[in-house]
C-alpha atoms as a PDB file:
ATOM      1  CA  MET A   1     -26.299 -19.662  -7.634  1.00  0.00           C
ATOM      2  CA  ASP A   2     -28.322 -16.462  -7.817  1.00  0.00           C
ATOM      3  CA  SER A   3     -31.768 -16.911  -9.396  1.00  0.00           C
ATOM      4  CA  ASN A   4     -31.312 -13.675 -11.403  1.00  0.00           C
ATOM      5  CA  PHE A   5     -28.429 -15.358 -13.203  1.00  0.00           C
ATOM      6  CA  HIS A   6     -30.560 -18.393 -14.098  1.00  0.00           C
ATOM      7  CA  THR A   7     -33.502 -16.258 -15.159  1.00  0.00           C
ATOM      8  CA  ALA A   8     -31.386 -14.003 -17.382  1.00  0.00           C
ATOM      9  CA  LEU A   9     -29.730 -16.921 -19.158  1.00  0.00           C
ATOM     10  CA  ALA A  10     -32.986 -18.803 -19.613  1.00  0.00           C
ATOM     11  CA  ALA A  11     -34.621 -15.746 -21.173  1.00  0.00           C
ATOM     12  CA  HIS A  12     -31.751 -14.438 -23.306  1.00  0.00           C
ATOM     13  CA  GLY A  13     -29.212 -17.238 -23.725  1.00  0.00           C
ATOM     14  CA  ALA A  14     -25.648 -17.553 -22.493  1.00  0.00           C
ATOM     15  CA  GLY A  15     -24.455 -14.696 -24.721  1.00  0.00           C
ATOM     16  CA  LEU A  16     -26.138 -12.173 -22.417  1.00  0.00           C
ATOM     17  CA  ILE A  17     -23.458 -12.659 -19.750  1.00  0.00           C
ATOM     18  CA  THR A  18     -20.217 -11.540 -21.401  1.00  0.00           C
ATOM     19  CA  HIS A  19     -17.930 -11.055 -18.389  1.00  0.00           C
ATOM     20  CA  ILE A  20     -17.370 -12.550 -14.941  1.00  0.00           C
ATOM     21  CA  GLY A  21     -16.212 -10.432 -12.001  1.00  0.00           C
ATOM     22  CA  LEU A  22     -15.310 -11.133  -8.376  1.00  0.00           C
ATOM     23  CA  VAL A  23     -16.766  -9.486  -5.266  1.00  0.00           C
ATOM     24  CA  ASN A  24     -15.737  -9.114  -1.622  1.00  0.00           C
ATOM     25  CA  GLY A  25     -17.775 -10.164   1.414  1.00  0.00           C
ATOM     26  CA  SER A  26     -19.958  -7.051   1.126  1.00  0.00           C
ATOM     27  CA  GLY A  27     -20.818  -7.841  -2.493  1.00  0.00           C
ATOM     28  CA  VAL A  28     -18.682  -4.971  -3.806  1.00  0.00           C
ATOM     29  CA  GLU A  29     -16.649  -5.768  -6.906  1.00  0.00           C
ATOM     30  CA  ILE A  30     -12.896  -6.094  -6.383  1.00  0.00           C
ATOM     31  CA  SER A  31     -10.936  -3.127  -7.765  1.00  0.00           C
ATOM     32  CA  GLY A  32      -7.417  -1.823  -8.092  1.00  0.00           C
ATOM     33  CA  GLY A  33      -4.118  -3.386  -8.980  1.00  0.00           C
ATOM     34  CA  GLY A  34      -4.381  -5.475 -12.135  1.00  0.00           C
ATOM     35  CA  TYR A  35      -7.929  -6.681 -11.404  1.00  0.00           C
ATOM     36  CA  ALA A  36     -10.412  -6.670 -14.277  1.00  0.00           C
ATOM     37  CA  ARG A  37     -13.532  -8.595 -15.205  1.00  0.00           C
ATOM     38  CA  LEU A  38     -12.762 -11.428 -17.583  1.00  0.00           C
ATOM     39  CA  PRO A  39     -14.627 -12.309 -20.760  1.00  0.00           C
ATOM     40  CA  VAL A  40     -16.546 -15.552 -20.473  1.00  0.00           C
ATOM     41  CA  THR A  41     -16.743 -18.261 -23.118  1.00  0.00           C
ATOM     42  CA  TRP A  42     -19.626 -20.698 -22.808  1.00  0.00           C
ATOM     43  CA  ALA A  43     -19.407 -24.414 -23.583  1.00  0.00           C
ATOM     44  CA  GLY A  44     -22.100 -27.013 -24.142  1.00  0.00           C
ATOM     45  CA  ALA A  45     -25.068 -27.509 -26.398  1.00  0.00           C
ATOM     46  CA  ALA A  46     -28.335 -25.607 -26.296  1.00  0.00           C
ATOM     47  CA  GLY A  47     -30.055 -26.319 -23.014  1.00  0.00           C
ATOM     48  CA  VAL A  48     -27.265 -26.662 -20.473  1.00  0.00           C
ATOM     49  CA  ARG A  49     -24.186 -24.442 -20.645  1.00  0.00           C
ATOM     50  CA  SER A  50     -21.118 -24.071 -18.476  1.00  0.00           C
ATOM     51  CA  LEU A  51     -18.001 -21.949 -18.415  1.00  0.00           C
ATOM     52  CA  ASP A  52     -15.598 -23.192 -21.044  1.00  0.00           C
ATOM     53  CA  ASP A  53     -12.500 -22.968 -18.832  1.00  0.00           C
ATOM     54  CA  ASP A  54     -11.094 -21.838 -15.496  1.00  0.00           C
ATOM     55  CA  MET A  55     -10.666 -18.083 -15.068  1.00  0.00           C
ATOM     56  CA  VAL A  56      -7.567 -16.526 -13.462  1.00  0.00           C
ATOM     57  CA  PHE A  57      -8.012 -13.069 -11.940  1.00  0.00           C
ATOM     58  CA  ASP A  58      -5.320 -10.690 -10.654  1.00  0.00           C
ATOM     59  CA  ILE A  59      -6.176  -9.671  -7.083  1.00  0.00           C
ATOM     60  CA  PRO A  60      -4.645  -6.635  -5.338  1.00  0.00           C
ATOM     61  CA  ALA A  61      -3.205  -6.802  -1.828  1.00  0.00           C
ATOM     62  CA  GLY A  62      -5.726  -6.372   0.973  1.00  0.00           C
ATOM     63  CA  GLU A  63      -8.738  -7.772  -0.906  1.00  0.00           C
ATOM     64  CA  THR A  64     -10.904 -10.753  -0.001  1.00  0.00           C
ATOM     65  CA  VAL A  65     -12.605 -12.712  -2.769  1.00  0.00           C
ATOM     66  CA  ALA A  66     -15.999 -13.946  -1.546  1.00  0.00           C
ATOM     67  CA  GLY A  67     -18.129 -14.387  -4.674  1.00  0.00           C
ATOM     68  CA  TRP A  68     -18.513 -14.057  -8.435  1.00  0.00           C
ATOM     69  CA  ARG A  69     -21.001 -12.136 -10.576  1.00  0.00           C
ATOM     70  CA  GLY A  70     -22.054 -12.285 -14.230  1.00  0.00           C
ATOM     71  CA  PHE A  71     -22.017  -8.965 -16.107  1.00  0.00           C
ATOM     72  CA  THR A  72     -23.084  -7.741 -19.546  1.00  0.00           C
ATOM     73  CA  ALA A  73     -19.931  -5.670 -20.117  1.00  0.00           C
ATOM     74  CA  LEU A  74     -16.256  -5.289 -19.258  1.00  0.00           C
ATOM     75  CA  THR A  75     -17.098  -2.173 -17.211  1.00  0.00           C
ATOM     76  CA  ALA A  76     -20.468  -0.965 -15.962  1.00  0.00           C
ATOM     77  CA  GLY A  77     -23.175  -3.069 -17.644  1.00  0.00           C
ATOM     78  CA  THR A  78     -25.811  -5.079 -15.789  1.00  0.00           C
ATOM     79  CA  ASN A  79     -24.902  -7.286 -12.836  1.00  0.00           C
ATOM     80  CA  TYR A  80     -27.005 -10.459 -13.060  1.00  0.00           C
ATOM     81  CA  GLY A  81     -25.699 -11.918  -9.817  1.00  0.00           C
ATOM     82  CA  GLY A  82     -23.773 -15.103  -9.270  1.00  0.00           C
ATOM     83  CA  ALA A  83     -22.796 -17.128  -6.234  1.00  0.00           C
ATOM     84  CA  ALA A  84     -20.800 -17.032  -3.025  1.00  0.00           C
ATOM     85  CA  LEU A  85     -17.336 -18.566  -2.846  1.00  0.00           C
ATOM     86  CA  THR A  86     -15.294 -19.715   0.125  1.00  0.00           C
ATOM     87  CA  PRO A  87     -13.625 -16.426   1.145  1.00  0.00           C
ATOM     88  CA  ALA A  88      -9.963 -16.080   0.165  1.00  0.00           C
ATOM     89  CA  SER A  89      -7.982 -13.165   1.639  1.00  0.00           C
ATOM     90  CA  PHE A  90      -4.945 -11.669  -0.086  1.00  0.00           C
ATOM     91  CA  THR A  91      -2.344 -10.058   2.168  1.00  0.00           C
ATOM     92  CA  ASN A  92      -0.163  -9.592  -0.910  1.00  0.00           C
ATOM     93  CA  ALA A  93      -1.227  -9.201  -4.530  1.00  0.00           C
ATOM     94  CA  GLY A  94      -1.788 -12.539  -6.226  1.00  0.00           C
ATOM     95  CA  THR A  95      -4.110 -14.490  -8.481  1.00  0.00           C
ATOM     96  CA  TYR A  96      -7.420 -16.217  -7.852  1.00  0.00           C
ATOM     97  CA  THR A  97      -8.465 -19.104 -10.077  1.00  0.00           C
ATOM     98  CA  LEU A  98     -12.198 -19.554 -10.469  1.00  0.00           C
ATOM     99  CA  LEU A  99     -12.615 -23.237 -11.332  1.00  0.00           C
ATOM    100  CA  ALA A 100     -15.300 -23.858 -13.934  1.00  0.00           C
ATOM    101  CA  ALA A 101     -15.808 -27.489 -12.909  1.00  0.00           C
ATOM    102  CA  SER A 102     -16.271 -26.887  -9.191  1.00  0.00           C
ATOM    103  CA  THR A 103     -18.185 -23.614  -8.888  1.00  0.00           C
ATOM    104  CA  ASN A 104     -21.612 -24.716 -10.168  1.00  0.00           C
ATOM    105  CA  PHE A 105     -21.715 -22.632 -13.326  1.00  0.00           C
ATOM    106  CA  THR A 106     -23.973 -25.003 -15.217  1.00  0.00           C
ATOM    107  CA  VAL A 107     -27.138 -23.103 -16.118  1.00  0.00           C
ATOM    108  CA  GLN A 108     -30.198 -23.545 -18.273  1.00  0.00           C
ATOM    109  CA  ALA A 109     -29.863 -21.366 -21.365  1.00  0.00           C
ATOM    110  CA  GLY A 110     -32.529 -20.375 -23.822  1.00  0.00           C
END
């Protein structure tokens, strides 16, 4: 997981990161079709927090999902980084499920 993500959450708490987005192998956010960043809900007590649930994203045809990023807004906002994922290519439009339990989202929060 990106150290910027850890640092931001430690300094400002989990509420700083309001949306999760997906990026391709070049680190560029997916776009087009029905894709949109999704609002994140945090679970856990003060100290260690994780995503509350899996997140299902709409992915347009021709995209490759290769990572996730934490953002401060639905559009624009600050990108606090995230982590790489095993690349998944979409020949046709489909959905990508980001699994909360298996993508190392647990972070120290202030």
